[in-house]
């Protein structure tokens, strides 16, 4: 197998399992927790730091919601078994970065890794993220290049692969679909809340030397769980979150 074909095979495998592979960071987080101590030896300051990290993850979620709310059906999906792009997104947030969803993912996981305040975890995360998503982006863009040819090549030439270039902004002609963003990303919100709740309780337990349930995060988790159950019922049992094909603004 040639190096190019091998790279493509790895990229396809990573694309299919991209939602689960970040779980390998659990193996890194556990040893970091064993040596954890409160920021300035204060639970209050540590809680403030946790909220700051939580805001960073929510910022990443906002990027994902903004992206999804402005994209037409058949693009920017969670499909894992095969590529799909019924149209090419080149305006709105896609005019300043070619991979806004992965940019959102970066901030989501960055907030979680920052929670532990271990410098080498930050470096490891950035390296793994770039290697991991770099392969995925490679296989995705190969598919788009084959499908859209010169149009996509021109788009690639003017638009950065990851870090946004704000001066390139081009407004989109689509209207924002709150239902689509909510329907697609409510599991992500609950996943973020769950991760922070588990890690915060684990941190407290590591410092105290016994099992500790952080009341602040348990309240947040309870509201998150209620929202998740409610939205899942609305999605599965009603038509309230059904999204019509987006219309172009006049």
C-alpha atoms as a PDB file:
ATOM      1  CA  UNK A   1       0.000   0.000   0.000  1.00  0.00           C
ATOM      2  CA  UNK A   2       1.419   3.404  -0.996  1.00  0.00           C
ATOM      3  CA  UNK A   3       1.994   6.118   1.604  1.00  0.00           C
ATOM      4  CA  UNK A   4      -0.782   8.197   0.049  1.00  0.00           C
ATOM      5  CA  UNK A   5      -3.279   5.314   0.137  1.00  0.00           C
ATOM      6  CA  UNK A   6      -2.267   4.423   3.677  1.00  0.00           C
ATOM      7  CA  UNK A   7      -2.805   8.019   4.758  1.00  0.00           C
ATOM      8  CA  UNK A   8      -6.236   8.014   3.106  1.00  0.00           C
ATOM      9  CA  UNK A   9      -7.173   4.752   4.856  1.00  0.00           C
ATOM     10  CA  UNK A  10      -6.185   6.170   8.236  1.00  0.00           C
ATOM     11  CA  UNK A  11      -8.117   9.349   7.487  1.00  0.00           C
ATOM     12  CA  UNK A  12     -11.274   7.401   6.636  1.00  0.00           C
ATOM     13  CA  UNK A  13     -10.976   5.365   9.850  1.00  0.00           C
ATOM     14  CA  UNK A  14     -10.519   8.515  11.946  1.00  0.00           C
ATOM     15  CA  UNK A  15     -13.456  10.160  10.155  1.00  0.00           C
ATOM     16  CA  UNK A  16     -15.734   7.263  11.031  1.00  0.00           C
ATOM     17  CA  UNK A  17     -14.730   7.124  14.716  1.00  0.00           C
ATOM     18  CA  UNK A  18     -14.049  10.850  15.239  1.00  0.00           C
ATOM     19  CA  UNK A  19     -16.779  11.179  17.872  1.00  0.00           C
ATOM     20  CA  UNK A  20     -15.239   8.534  20.153  1.00  0.00           C
ATOM     21  CA  UNK A  21     -11.473   8.712  19.769  1.00  0.00           C
ATOM     22  CA  UNK A  22     -11.101  11.788  22.064  1.00  0.00           C
ATOM     23  CA  UNK A  23     -12.038   9.433  24.926  1.00  0.00           C
ATOM     24  CA  UNK A  24      -8.401   8.301  24.950  1.00  0.00           C
ATOM     25  CA  UNK A  25      -7.687  11.441  26.964  1.00  0.00           C
ATOM     26  CA  UNK A  26      -9.213   9.661  29.944  1.00  0.00           C
ATOM     27  CA  UNK A  27      -5.926   7.768  30.232  1.00  0.00           C
ATOM     28  CA  UNK A  28      -4.129  11.122  30.576  1.00  0.00           C
ATOM     29  CA  UNK A  29      -6.640  12.770  32.894  1.00  0.00           C
ATOM     30  CA  UNK A  30      -6.585  10.039  35.560  1.00  0.00           C
ATOM     31  CA  UNK A  31      -2.910  10.406  36.535  1.00  0.00           C
ATOM     32  CA  UNK A  32      -3.254  14.209  36.460  1.00  0.00           C
ATOM     33  CA  UNK A  33      -6.081  13.973  39.005  1.00  0.00           C
ATOM     34  CA  UNK A  34      -3.934  11.985  41.438  1.00  0.00           C
ATOM     35  CA  UNK A  35      -1.657  15.013  41.956  1.00  0.00           C
ATOM     36  CA  UNK A  36      -4.335  17.683  41.797  1.00  0.00           C
ATOM     37  CA  UNK A  37      -4.508  20.591  44.264  1.00  0.00           C
ATOM     38  CA  UNK A  38      -6.865  23.586  44.490  1.00  0.00           C
ATOM     39  CA  UNK A  39      -5.915  26.857  42.815  1.00  0.00           C
ATOM     40  CA  UNK A  40      -4.284  29.003  45.535  1.00  0.00           C
ATOM     41  CA  UNK A  41      -5.367  26.248  47.952  1.00  0.00           C
ATOM     42  CA  UNK A  42      -8.908  27.613  47.780  1.00  0.00           C
ATOM     43  CA  UNK A  43     -12.025  25.799  46.639  1.00  0.00           C
ATOM     44  CA  UNK A  44     -13.629  29.148  45.758  1.00  0.00           C
ATOM     45  CA  UNK A  45     -10.817  30.165  43.402  1.00  0.00           C
ATOM     46  CA  UNK A  46     -10.815  26.671  41.961  1.00  0.00           C
ATOM     47  CA  UNK A  47     -14.552  26.938  41.308  1.00  0.00           C
ATOM     48  CA  UNK A  48     -14.045  30.289  39.549  1.00  0.00           C
ATOM     49  CA  UNK A  49     -11.374  28.692  37.364  1.00  0.00           C
ATOM     50  CA  UNK A  50     -13.766  25.853  36.594  1.00  0.00           C
ATOM     51  CA  UNK A  51     -16.440  28.305  35.475  1.00  0.00           C
ATOM     52  CA  UNK A  52     -13.911  30.089  33.245  1.00  0.00           C
ATOM     53  CA  UNK A  53     -12.984  26.773  31.607  1.00  0.00           C
ATOM     54  CA  UNK A  54     -16.685  25.935  31.279  1.00  0.00           C
ATOM     55  CA  UNK A  55     -17.214  29.242  29.434  1.00  0.00           C
ATOM     56  CA  UNK A  56     -14.453  28.328  26.969  1.00  0.00           C
ATOM     57  CA  UNK A  57     -16.161  25.009  26.219  1.00  0.00           C
ATOM     58  CA  UNK A  58     -19.509  26.778  25.814  1.00  0.00           C
ATOM     59  CA  UNK A  59     -17.841  29.190  23.402  1.00  0.00           C
ATOM     60  CA  UNK A  60     -16.827  26.181  21.325  1.00  0.00           C
ATOM     61  CA  UNK A  61     -20.410  24.913  21.460  1.00  0.00           C
ATOM     62  CA  UNK A  62     -21.628  28.345  20.355  1.00  0.00           C
ATOM     63  CA  UNK A  63     -19.360  28.145  17.288  1.00  0.00           C
ATOM     64  CA  UNK A  64     -20.878  24.769  16.427  1.00  0.00           C
ATOM     65  CA  UNK A  65     -24.451  26.011  16.947  1.00  0.00           C
ATOM     66  CA  UNK A  66     -23.816  29.136  14.886  1.00  0.00           C
ATOM     67  CA  UNK A  67     -22.321  27.067  12.085  1.00  0.00           C
ATOM     68  CA  UNK A  68     -25.073  24.468  12.034  1.00  0.00           C
ATOM     69  CA  UNK A  69     -27.868  27.034  12.289  1.00  0.00           C
ATOM     70  CA  UNK A  70     -26.716  28.730   9.092  1.00  0.00           C
ATOM     71  CA  UNK A  71     -25.971  25.669   6.957  1.00  0.00           C
ATOM     72  CA  UNK A  72     -28.420  23.945   4.605  1.00  0.00           C
ATOM     73  CA  UNK A  73     -29.596  20.376   5.013  1.00  0.00           C
ATOM     74  CA  UNK A  74     -27.214  17.741   3.744  1.00  0.00           C
ATOM     75  CA  UNK A  75     -24.032  19.501   4.859  1.00  0.00           C
ATOM     76  CA  UNK A  76     -22.019  19.839   8.094  1.00  0.00           C
ATOM     77  CA  UNK A  77     -23.448  16.598   9.403  1.00  0.00           C
ATOM     78  CA  UNK A  78     -22.501  13.997  11.984  1.00  0.00           C
ATOM     79  CA  UNK A  79     -22.349  11.284   9.316  1.00  0.00           C
ATOM     80  CA  UNK A  80     -19.517   8.880  10.054  1.00  0.00           C
ATOM     81  CA  UNK A  81     -19.805   6.017   7.576  1.00  0.00           C
ATOM     82  CA  UNK A  82     -19.414   8.080   4.421  1.00  0.00           C
ATOM     83  CA  UNK A  83     -18.837  11.621   3.194  1.00  0.00           C
ATOM     84  CA  UNK A  84     -21.809  13.788   2.351  1.00  0.00           C
ATOM     85  CA  UNK A  85     -22.013  17.307   0.947  1.00  0.00           C
ATOM     86  CA  UNK A  86     -25.141  18.131  -1.037  1.00  0.00           C
ATOM     87  CA  UNK A  87     -23.841  21.688  -1.461  1.00  0.00           C
ATOM     88  CA  UNK A  88     -20.612  23.565  -0.792  1.00  0.00           C
ATOM     89  CA  UNK A  89     -20.630  26.018   2.125  1.00  0.00           C
ATOM     90  CA  UNK A  90     -18.476  29.059   1.317  1.00  0.00           C
ATOM     91  CA  UNK A  91     -20.263  31.979   2.983  1.00  0.00           C
ATOM     92  CA  UNK A  92     -20.920  33.041   6.555  1.00  0.00           C
ATOM     93  CA  UNK A  93     -18.536  31.408   9.010  1.00  0.00           C
ATOM     94  CA  UNK A  94     -17.281  29.142   6.213  1.00  0.00           C
ATOM     95  CA  UNK A  95     -15.901  32.228   4.463  1.00  0.00           C
ATOM     96  CA  UNK A  96     -13.364  32.812   7.263  1.00  0.00           C
ATOM     97  CA  UNK A  97     -12.411  29.189   8.042  1.00  0.00           C
ATOM     98  CA  UNK A  98     -12.911  25.943   6.154  1.00  0.00           C
ATOM     99  CA  UNK A  99     -13.558  23.886   9.299  1.00  0.00           C
ATOM    100  CA  UNK A 100     -15.674  25.854  11.798  1.00  0.00           C
ATOM    101  CA  UNK A 101     -17.156  22.735  13.396  1.00  0.00           C
ATOM    102  CA  UNK A 102     -13.709  21.400  14.218  1.00  0.00           C
ATOM    103  CA  UNK A 103     -12.772  24.857  15.503  1.00  0.00           C
ATOM    104  CA  UNK A 104     -15.736  24.565  17.871  1.00  0.00           C
ATOM    105  CA  UNK A 105     -14.589  21.098  18.918  1.00  0.00           C
ATOM    106  CA  UNK A 106     -11.140  22.499  19.668  1.00  0.00           C
ATOM    107  CA  UNK A 107     -12.494  25.009  22.176  1.00  0.00           C
ATOM    108  CA  UNK A 108     -14.897  22.496  23.723  1.00  0.00           C
ATOM    109  CA  UNK A 109     -12.124  20.044  24.600  1.00  0.00           C
ATOM    110  CA  UNK A 110      -9.642  22.846  25.382  1.00  0.00           C
ATOM    111  CA  UNK A 111     -11.903  24.059  28.178  1.00  0.00           C
ATOM    112  CA  UNK A 112     -12.053  20.552  29.621  1.00  0.00           C
ATOM    113  CA  UNK A 113      -8.280  20.049  29.470  1.00  0.00           C
ATOM    114  CA  UNK A 114      -7.620  23.474  31.031  1.00  0.00           C
ATOM    115  CA  UNK A 115      -9.642  22.420  34.052  1.00  0.00           C
ATOM    116  CA  UNK A 116      -6.733  20.317  35.350  1.00  0.00           C
ATOM    117  CA  UNK A 117      -4.112  23.114  35.053  1.00  0.00           C
ATOM    118  CA  UNK A 118      -1.375  20.776  33.783  1.00  0.00           C
ATOM    119  CA  UNK A 119       0.784  22.470  31.114  1.00  0.00           C
ATOM    120  CA  UNK A 120       1.908  19.298  29.338  1.00  0.00           C
ATOM    121  CA  UNK A 121      -1.691  18.214  28.839  1.00  0.00           C
ATOM    122  CA  UNK A 122      -2.325  21.441  26.878  1.00  0.00           C
ATOM    123  CA  UNK A 123       0.651  20.760  24.609  1.00  0.00           C
ATOM    124  CA  UNK A 124      -0.302  17.110  24.169  1.00  0.00           C
ATOM    125  CA  UNK A 125      -3.872  18.080  23.356  1.00  0.00           C
ATOM    126  CA  UNK A 126      -2.875  20.584  20.653  1.00  0.00           C
ATOM    127  CA  UNK A 127      -0.504  18.072  19.045  1.00  0.00           C
ATOM    128  CA  UNK A 128      -3.006  15.214  19.112  1.00  0.00           C
ATOM    129  CA  UNK A 129      -5.795  17.488  17.872  1.00  0.00           C
ATOM    130  CA  UNK A 130      -3.757  18.656  14.910  1.00  0.00           C
ATOM    131  CA  UNK A 131      -2.588  15.172  13.950  1.00  0.00           C
ATOM    132  CA  UNK A 132      -6.037  13.690  14.500  1.00  0.00           C
ATOM    133  CA  UNK A 133      -8.183  16.270  12.723  1.00  0.00           C
ATOM    134  CA  UNK A 134      -5.496  16.939  10.133  1.00  0.00           C
ATOM    135  CA  UNK A 135      -6.029  13.424   8.784  1.00  0.00           C
ATOM    136  CA  UNK A 136      -9.798  13.844   8.837  1.00  0.00           C
ATOM    137  CA  UNK A 137      -9.637  17.212   7.081  1.00  0.00           C
ATOM    138  CA  UNK A 138      -7.362  15.694   4.453  1.00  0.00           C
ATOM    139  CA  UNK A 139      -9.841  12.961   3.524  1.00  0.00           C
ATOM    140  CA  UNK A 140     -12.829  15.337   3.649  1.00  0.00           C
ATOM    141  CA  UNK A 141     -11.182  17.891   1.380  1.00  0.00           C
ATOM    142  CA  UNK A 142     -10.102  15.183  -1.038  1.00  0.00           C
ATOM    143  CA  UNK A 143     -13.771  14.195  -1.351  1.00  0.00           C
ATOM    144  CA  UNK A 144     -14.889  17.813  -1.838  1.00  0.00           C
ATOM    145  CA  UNK A 145     -12.153  18.450  -4.384  1.00  0.00           C
ATOM    146  CA  UNK A 146     -13.250  15.455  -6.446  1.00  0.00           C
ATOM    147  CA  UNK A 147     -16.888  16.517  -6.268  1.00  0.00           C
ATOM    148  CA  UNK A 148     -16.627  20.280  -6.815  1.00  0.00           C
ATOM    149  CA  UNK A 149     -13.336  20.615  -8.701  1.00  0.00           C
ATOM    150  CA  UNK A 150     -12.131  24.164  -9.430  1.00  0.00           C
ATOM    151  CA  UNK A 151     -14.848  25.791  -7.292  1.00  0.00           C
ATOM    152  CA  UNK A 152     -13.534  24.048  -4.207  1.00  0.00           C
ATOM    153  CA  UNK A 153      -9.889  24.616  -5.155  1.00  0.00           C
ATOM    154  CA  UNK A 154     -10.539  28.366  -5.458  1.00  0.00           C
ATOM    155  CA  UNK A 155     -12.274  28.288  -2.086  1.00  0.00           C
ATOM    156  CA  UNK A 156      -9.318  26.467  -0.508  1.00  0.00           C
ATOM    157  CA  UNK A 157      -6.889  28.984  -2.016  1.00  0.00           C
ATOM    158  CA  UNK A 158      -8.601  31.987  -0.368  1.00  0.00           C
ATOM    159  CA  UNK A 159      -9.883  30.485   2.906  1.00  0.00           C
ATOM    160  CA  UNK A 160      -7.694  29.336   5.848  1.00  0.00           C
ATOM    161  CA  UNK A 161      -7.992  25.705   6.877  1.00  0.00           C
ATOM    162  CA  UNK A 162      -8.583  26.367  10.579  1.00  0.00           C
ATOM    163  CA  UNK A 163      -7.628  29.705  12.153  1.00  0.00           C
ATOM    164  CA  UNK A 164     -10.309  32.248  11.091  1.00  0.00           C
ATOM    165  CA  UNK A 165      -9.429  35.257   8.933  1.00  0.00           C
ATOM    166  CA  UNK A 166     -12.148  37.760   9.857  1.00  0.00           C
ATOM    167  CA  UNK A 167     -11.466  40.123   6.961  1.00  0.00           C
ATOM    168  CA  UNK A 168     -12.609  37.436   4.533  1.00  0.00           C
ATOM    169  CA  UNK A 169     -16.150  37.446   5.949  1.00  0.00           C
ATOM    170  CA  UNK A 170     -18.935  37.100   3.392  1.00  0.00           C
ATOM    171  CA  UNK A 171     -22.534  37.221   4.654  1.00  0.00           C
ATOM    172  CA  UNK A 172     -24.713  34.187   4.081  1.00  0.00           C
ATOM    173  CA  UNK A 173     -28.046  34.336   2.296  1.00  0.00           C
ATOM    174  CA  UNK A 174     -29.571  31.732   4.626  1.00  0.00           C
ATOM    175  CA  UNK A 175     -31.549  32.521   7.748  1.00  0.00           C
ATOM    176  CA  UNK A 176     -30.524  31.099  11.112  1.00  0.00           C
ATOM    177  CA  UNK A 177     -32.410  27.955  12.168  1.00  0.00           C
ATOM    178  CA  UNK A 178     -32.570  27.807  15.966  1.00  0.00           C
ATOM    179  CA  UNK A 179     -34.442  24.518  15.790  1.00  0.00           C
ATOM    180  CA  UNK A 180     -31.706  22.899  13.722  1.00  0.00           C
ATOM    181  CA  UNK A 181     -28.966  24.075  16.068  1.00  0.00           C
ATOM    182  CA  UNK A 182     -30.933  22.966  19.128  1.00  0.00           C
ATOM    183  CA  UNK A 183     -31.869  19.608  17.636  1.00  0.00           C
ATOM    184  CA  UNK A 184     -28.315  18.809  16.591  1.00  0.00           C
ATOM    185  CA  UNK A 185     -26.337  20.152  19.543  1.00  0.00           C
ATOM    186  CA  UNK A 186     -28.350  19.483  22.703  1.00  0.00           C
ATOM    187  CA  UNK A 187     -26.428  16.192  23.239  1.00  0.00           C
ATOM    188  CA  UNK A 188     -23.165  18.160  22.989  1.00  0.00           C
ATOM    189  CA  UNK A 189     -24.328  20.565  25.701  1.00  0.00           C
ATOM    190  CA  UNK A 190     -25.187  17.699  28.018  1.00  0.00           C
ATOM    191  CA  UNK A 191     -21.877  16.026  27.207  1.00  0.00           C
ATOM    192  CA  UNK A 192     -19.977  19.175  28.197  1.00  0.00           C
ATOM    193  CA  UNK A 193     -21.944  19.548  31.424  1.00  0.00           C
ATOM    194  CA  UNK A 194     -21.435  15.870  32.269  1.00  0.00           C
ATOM    195  CA  UNK A 195     -17.681  16.051  31.637  1.00  0.00           C
ATOM    196  CA  UNK A 196     -17.261  19.119  33.843  1.00  0.00           C
ATOM    197  CA  UNK A 197     -19.425  17.672  36.606  1.00  0.00           C
ATOM    198  CA  UNK A 198     -17.495  14.398  36.691  1.00  0.00           C
ATOM    199  CA  UNK A 199     -14.108  16.127  36.616  1.00  0.00           C
ATOM    200  CA  UNK A 200     -15.049  18.703  39.256  1.00  0.00           C
ATOM    201  CA  UNK A 201     -16.288  15.997  41.614  1.00  0.00           C
ATOM    202  CA  UNK A 202     -13.177  13.924  40.870  1.00  0.00           C
ATOM    203  CA  UNK A 203     -10.951  16.912  41.622  1.00  0.00           C
ATOM    204  CA  UNK A 204     -12.683  17.555  44.952  1.00  0.00           C
ATOM    205  CA  UNK A 205     -12.469  13.879  45.842  1.00  0.00           C
ATOM    206  CA  UNK A 206      -8.749  13.783  44.998  1.00  0.00           C
ATOM    207  CA  UNK A 207      -8.056  16.801  47.222  1.00  0.00           C
ATOM    208  CA  UNK A 208     -10.251  15.681  50.126  1.00  0.00           C
ATOM    209  CA  UNK A 209      -9.248  12.035  49.944  1.00  0.00           C
ATOM    210  CA  UNK A 210     -12.861  10.845  49.922  1.00  0.00           C
ATOM    211  CA  UNK A 211     -15.830  10.904  47.578  1.00  0.00           C
ATOM    212  CA  UNK A 212     -17.170  14.465  47.260  1.00  0.00           C
ATOM    213  CA  UNK A 213     -20.242  15.606  45.331  1.00  0.00           C
ATOM    214  CA  UNK A 214     -19.863  19.263  44.359  1.00  0.00           C
ATOM    215  CA  UNK A 215     -23.280  20.902  44.989  1.00  0.00           C
ATOM    216  CA  UNK A 216     -22.763  23.690  42.435  1.00  0.00           C
ATOM    217  CA  UNK A 217     -22.012  21.298  39.604  1.00  0.00           C
ATOM    218  CA  UNK A 218     -24.724  18.885  40.660  1.00  0.00           C
ATOM    219  CA  UNK A 219     -27.265  21.705  40.255  1.00  0.00           C
ATOM    220  CA  UNK A 220     -25.869  22.493  36.809  1.00  0.00           C
ATOM    221  CA  UNK A 221     -25.909  18.797  35.936  1.00  0.00           C
ATOM    222  CA  UNK A 222     -29.535  18.445  37.088  1.00  0.00           C
ATOM    223  CA  UNK A 223     -30.677  21.298  34.849  1.00  0.00           C
ATOM    224  CA  UNK A 224     -28.617  19.870  31.979  1.00  0.00           C
ATOM    225  CA  UNK A 225     -30.139  16.422  32.430  1.00  0.00           C
ATOM    226  CA  UNK A 226     -33.655  17.858  32.560  1.00  0.00           C
ATOM    227  CA  UNK A 227     -33.022  19.848  29.374  1.00  0.00           C
ATOM    228  CA  UNK A 228     -31.547  16.785  27.647  1.00  0.00           C
ATOM    229  CA  UNK A 229     -34.506  14.537  28.526  1.00  0.00           C
ATOM    230  CA  UNK A 230     -37.028  17.198  27.554  1.00  0.00           C
ATOM    231  CA  UNK A 231     -35.423  17.927  24.198  1.00  0.00           C
ATOM    232  CA  UNK A 232     -34.950  14.247  23.421  1.00  0.00           C
ATOM    233  CA  UNK A 233     -38.650  13.597  24.046  1.00  0.00           C
ATOM    234  CA  UNK A 234     -39.588  16.583  21.882  1.00  0.00           C
ATOM    235  CA  UNK A 235     -37.310  15.296  19.108  1.00  0.00           C
ATOM    236  CA  UNK A 236     -38.511  11.681  19.213  1.00  0.00           C
ATOM    237  CA  UNK A 237     -42.179  12.087  20.097  1.00  0.00           C
ATOM    238  CA  UNK A 238     -43.277  15.419  18.622  1.00  0.00           C
ATOM    239  CA  UNK A 239     -42.853  17.579  15.530  1.00  0.00           C
ATOM    240  CA  UNK A 240     -41.790  20.692  17.444  1.00  0.00           C
ATOM    241  CA  UNK A 241     -38.115  20.335  16.518  1.00  0.00           C
ATOM    242  CA  UNK A 242     -38.704  19.204  12.968  1.00  0.00           C
ATOM    243  CA  UNK A 243     -36.654  21.353  10.635  1.00  0.00           C
ATOM    244  CA  UNK A 244     -37.848  22.334   7.189  1.00  0.00           C
ATOM    245  CA  UNK A 245     -35.390  22.830   4.354  1.00  0.00           C
ATOM    246  CA  UNK A 246     -33.920  26.281   4.817  1.00  0.00           C
ATOM    247  CA  UNK A 247     -35.161  29.052   2.600  1.00  0.00           C
ATOM    248  CA  UNK A 248     -32.963  31.689   0.997  1.00  0.00           C
ATOM    249  CA  UNK A 249     -33.648  35.218   2.177  1.00  0.00           C
ATOM    250  CA  UNK A 250     -35.168  37.477  -0.471  1.00  0.00           C
END
